[in-house]
């Protein structure tokens, strides 16, 4: 069948360490991440839910599932973007996140939009 350009969701991520919300002596490292979701496909699509895998550098893993993002289920027309900022707290100075958004196209087709892995790290810890 080949690639389907009807559904093409691009996901960009920026992360930021939050020292004021972190407490390294208690193994608490807080991060904010801003995600931009862009519909590069030819059909309108709605974000229904999210699925995250959060991995701490000690290999501890958390799984998070939920409806929408930041209380919303955005509908993205072709070419439209949706931005939001959320956060994560991990027990190690370095970790990573990846996952997927569960979407539905205007034609009723359900599909997953993969969220590429990104790193959560306190400044200057990685070279």
C-alpha atoms as a PDB file:
ATOM      1  CA  UNK A   1       0.000   0.000   0.000  1.00  0.00           C
ATOM      2  CA  UNK A   2       2.990   2.343   0.470  1.00  0.00           C
ATOM      3  CA  UNK A   3       3.132   5.403   2.659  1.00  0.00           C
ATOM      4  CA  UNK A   4      -0.099   7.178   3.420  1.00  0.00           C
ATOM      5  CA  UNK A   5       0.293  10.950   3.203  1.00  0.00           C
ATOM      6  CA  UNK A   6      -3.259  11.460   4.497  1.00  0.00           C
ATOM      7  CA  UNK A   7      -1.866  11.077   8.028  1.00  0.00           C
ATOM      8  CA  UNK A   8       1.459  12.795   8.675  1.00  0.00           C
ATOM      9  CA  UNK A   9       1.876  14.283  12.137  1.00  0.00           C
ATOM     10  CA  UNK A  10       5.203  16.007  12.871  1.00  0.00           C
ATOM     11  CA  UNK A  11       6.217  16.357  16.530  1.00  0.00           C
ATOM     12  CA  UNK A  12       8.952  18.718  17.776  1.00  0.00           C
ATOM     13  CA  UNK A  13      10.084  18.855  21.413  1.00  0.00           C
ATOM     14  CA  UNK A  14      12.058  21.378  23.479  1.00  0.00           C
ATOM     15  CA  UNK A  15      13.021  20.594  27.080  1.00  0.00           C
ATOM     16  CA  UNK A  16      14.055  22.715  30.030  1.00  0.00           C
ATOM     17  CA  UNK A  17      15.390  21.801  33.473  1.00  0.00           C
ATOM     18  CA  UNK A  18      13.467  23.430  36.345  1.00  0.00           C
ATOM     19  CA  UNK A  19      15.949  23.914  39.216  1.00  0.00           C
ATOM     20  CA  UNK A  20      13.372  25.740  41.371  1.00  0.00           C
ATOM     21  CA  UNK A  21      11.093  22.680  41.287  1.00  0.00           C
ATOM     22  CA  UNK A  22      13.889  20.142  41.723  1.00  0.00           C
ATOM     23  CA  UNK A  23      15.555  18.783  44.843  1.00  0.00           C
ATOM     24  CA  UNK A  24      18.635  16.710  43.915  1.00  0.00           C
ATOM     25  CA  UNK A  25      19.212  15.712  47.557  1.00  0.00           C
ATOM     26  CA  UNK A  26      15.808  13.977  47.402  1.00  0.00           C
ATOM     27  CA  UNK A  27      16.408  12.547  43.896  1.00  0.00           C
ATOM     28  CA  UNK A  28      13.813  14.885  42.411  1.00  0.00           C
ATOM     29  CA  UNK A  29      14.603  16.422  39.015  1.00  0.00           C
ATOM     30  CA  UNK A  30      11.839  18.449  37.360  1.00  0.00           C
ATOM     31  CA  UNK A  31      11.673  19.232  33.660  1.00  0.00           C
ATOM     32  CA  UNK A  32       9.314  21.134  31.398  1.00  0.00           C
ATOM     33  CA  UNK A  33       8.822  20.087  27.803  1.00  0.00           C
ATOM     34  CA  UNK A  34       7.141  22.081  25.068  1.00  0.00           C
ATOM     35  CA  UNK A  35       5.685  20.093  22.212  1.00  0.00           C
ATOM     36  CA  UNK A  36       4.616  21.360  18.817  1.00  0.00           C
ATOM     37  CA  UNK A  37       2.319  18.990  16.920  1.00  0.00           C
ATOM     38  CA  UNK A  38       1.929  19.844  13.228  1.00  0.00           C
ATOM     39  CA  UNK A  39      -0.469  18.146  10.841  1.00  0.00           C
ATOM     40  CA  UNK A  40       1.518  17.704   7.627  1.00  0.00           C
ATOM     41  CA  UNK A  41      -1.023  15.298   6.192  1.00  0.00           C
ATOM     42  CA  UNK A  42      -3.893  15.979   3.817  1.00  0.00           C
ATOM     43  CA  UNK A  43      -6.738  15.206   6.262  1.00  0.00           C
ATOM     44  CA  UNK A  44      -7.885  16.916   9.458  1.00  0.00           C
ATOM     45  CA  UNK A  45      -7.015  14.855  12.538  1.00  0.00           C
ATOM     46  CA  UNK A  46      -7.992  14.965  16.212  1.00  0.00           C
ATOM     47  CA  UNK A  47      -5.704  13.990  19.082  1.00  0.00           C
ATOM     48  CA  UNK A  48      -7.626  11.584  21.315  1.00  0.00           C
ATOM     49  CA  UNK A  49      -5.090  10.362  23.861  1.00  0.00           C
ATOM     50  CA  UNK A  50      -1.411  10.058  24.756  1.00  0.00           C
ATOM     51  CA  UNK A  51       0.915   7.254  25.756  1.00  0.00           C
ATOM     52  CA  UNK A  52       4.323   8.017  27.302  1.00  0.00           C
ATOM     53  CA  UNK A  53       7.247   5.890  28.423  1.00  0.00           C
ATOM     54  CA  UNK A  54       9.503   7.807  30.793  1.00  0.00           C
ATOM     55  CA  UNK A  55      12.881   6.183  31.450  1.00  0.00           C
ATOM     56  CA  UNK A  56      15.160   7.232  34.299  1.00  0.00           C
ATOM     57  CA  UNK A  57      18.922   6.702  33.881  1.00  0.00           C
ATOM     58  CA  UNK A  58      18.751   3.877  36.447  1.00  0.00           C
ATOM     59  CA  UNK A  59      16.449   2.102  33.928  1.00  0.00           C
ATOM     60  CA  UNK A  60      13.354   2.616  36.080  1.00  0.00           C
ATOM     61  CA  UNK A  61      10.454   3.155  33.690  1.00  0.00           C
ATOM     62  CA  UNK A  62       7.070   4.803  34.068  1.00  0.00           C
ATOM     63  CA  UNK A  63       4.158   4.458  31.696  1.00  0.00           C
ATOM     64  CA  UNK A  64       1.607   7.258  31.395  1.00  0.00           C
ATOM     65  CA  UNK A  65      -1.653   7.098  29.469  1.00  0.00           C
ATOM     66  CA  UNK A  66      -4.412   9.653  29.364  1.00  0.00           C
ATOM     67  CA  UNK A  67      -6.994  11.472  27.329  1.00  0.00           C
ATOM     68  CA  UNK A  68      -5.799  14.418  25.273  1.00  0.00           C
ATOM     69  CA  UNK A  69      -2.968  16.755  26.269  1.00  0.00           C
ATOM     70  CA  UNK A  70      -3.191  19.487  28.936  1.00  0.00           C
ATOM     71  CA  UNK A  71      -6.940  18.879  29.164  1.00  0.00           C
ATOM     72  CA  UNK A  72      -7.533  19.339  25.447  1.00  0.00           C
ATOM     73  CA  UNK A  73      -8.151  17.140  22.431  1.00  0.00           C
ATOM     74  CA  UNK A  74      -6.960  19.463  19.664  1.00  0.00           C
ATOM     75  CA  UNK A  75      -8.280  19.158  16.126  1.00  0.00           C
ATOM     76  CA  UNK A  76      -5.604  19.957  13.552  1.00  0.00           C
ATOM     77  CA  UNK A  77      -6.450  20.875   9.980  1.00  0.00           C
ATOM     78  CA  UNK A  78      -3.775  20.222   7.343  1.00  0.00           C
ATOM     79  CA  UNK A  79      -0.883  22.632   7.973  1.00  0.00           C
ATOM     80  CA  UNK A  80      -2.128  23.576  11.452  1.00  0.00           C
ATOM     81  CA  UNK A  81      -0.019  23.271  14.626  1.00  0.00           C
ATOM     82  CA  UNK A  82      -0.821  22.915  18.316  1.00  0.00           C
ATOM     83  CA  UNK A  83       1.657  23.893  21.050  1.00  0.00           C
ATOM     84  CA  UNK A  84       1.600  22.912  24.694  1.00  0.00           C
ATOM     85  CA  UNK A  85       3.927  22.735  27.661  1.00  0.00           C
ATOM     86  CA  UNK A  86       3.833  20.037  30.299  1.00  0.00           C
ATOM     87  CA  UNK A  87       6.280  18.557  32.753  1.00  0.00           C
ATOM     88  CA  UNK A  88       7.860  15.462  34.208  1.00  0.00           C
ATOM     89  CA  UNK A  89       9.677  14.701  37.441  1.00  0.00           C
ATOM     90  CA  UNK A  90      12.261  11.936  37.426  1.00  0.00           C
ATOM     91  CA  UNK A  91      14.516  10.485  40.126  1.00  0.00           C
ATOM     92  CA  UNK A  92      17.795  10.793  38.202  1.00  0.00           C
ATOM     93  CA  UNK A  93      19.620  13.796  36.644  1.00  0.00           C
ATOM     94  CA  UNK A  94      19.198  12.279  33.164  1.00  0.00           C
ATOM     95  CA  UNK A  95      16.283  10.463  31.596  1.00  0.00           C
ATOM     96  CA  UNK A  96      14.324  10.177  28.385  1.00  0.00           C
ATOM     97  CA  UNK A  97      10.754  10.148  27.146  1.00  0.00           C
ATOM     98  CA  UNK A  98       9.038   8.809  24.067  1.00  0.00           C
ATOM     99  CA  UNK A  99       5.601   7.615  23.148  1.00  0.00           C
ATOM    100  CA  UNK A 100       2.709   8.278  20.817  1.00  0.00           C
ATOM    101  CA  UNK A 101      -0.466  10.221  20.355  1.00  0.00           C
ATOM    102  CA  UNK A 102      -3.568   8.265  19.407  1.00  0.00           C
ATOM    103  CA  UNK A 103      -5.304  10.180  16.628  1.00  0.00           C
ATOM    104  CA  UNK A 104      -8.422   9.901  14.498  1.00  0.00           C
ATOM    105  CA  UNK A 105      -8.656  11.261  10.982  1.00  0.00           C
ATOM    106  CA  UNK A 106     -11.720  13.066   9.677  1.00  0.00           C
ATOM    107  CA  UNK A 107     -12.473   9.879   7.700  1.00  0.00           C
ATOM    108  CA  UNK A 108     -12.763   7.877  10.946  1.00  0.00           C
ATOM    109  CA  UNK A 109      -9.370   6.150  10.565  1.00  0.00           C
ATOM    110  CA  UNK A 110      -7.519   5.667  13.888  1.00  0.00           C
ATOM    111  CA  UNK A 111      -3.725   5.958  13.800  1.00  0.00           C
ATOM    112  CA  UNK A 112      -0.782   6.542  16.110  1.00  0.00           C
ATOM    113  CA  UNK A 113       1.553   9.525  15.757  1.00  0.00           C
ATOM    114  CA  UNK A 114       4.916   8.454  17.213  1.00  0.00           C
ATOM    115  CA  UNK A 115       6.676  10.873  19.567  1.00  0.00           C
ATOM    116  CA  UNK A 116      10.434  10.492  18.990  1.00  0.00           C
ATOM    117  CA  UNK A 117      12.607   9.924  22.057  1.00  0.00           C
ATOM    118  CA  UNK A 118      13.992  13.036  23.711  1.00  0.00           C
ATOM    119  CA  UNK A 119      16.406  13.508  26.594  1.00  0.00           C
ATOM    120  CA  UNK A 120      15.727  15.100  29.947  1.00  0.00           C
ATOM    121  CA  UNK A 121      19.056  16.212  31.454  1.00  0.00           C
ATOM    122  CA  UNK A 122      20.250  18.794  33.938  1.00  0.00           C
ATOM    123  CA  UNK A 123      22.545  21.383  32.286  1.00  0.00           C
ATOM    124  CA  UNK A 124      26.195  20.453  31.685  1.00  0.00           C
ATOM    125  CA  UNK A 125      25.790  16.805  32.682  1.00  0.00           C
ATOM    126  CA  UNK A 126      26.006  15.491  29.099  1.00  0.00           C
ATOM    127  CA  UNK A 127      28.845  16.390  26.749  1.00  0.00           C
END
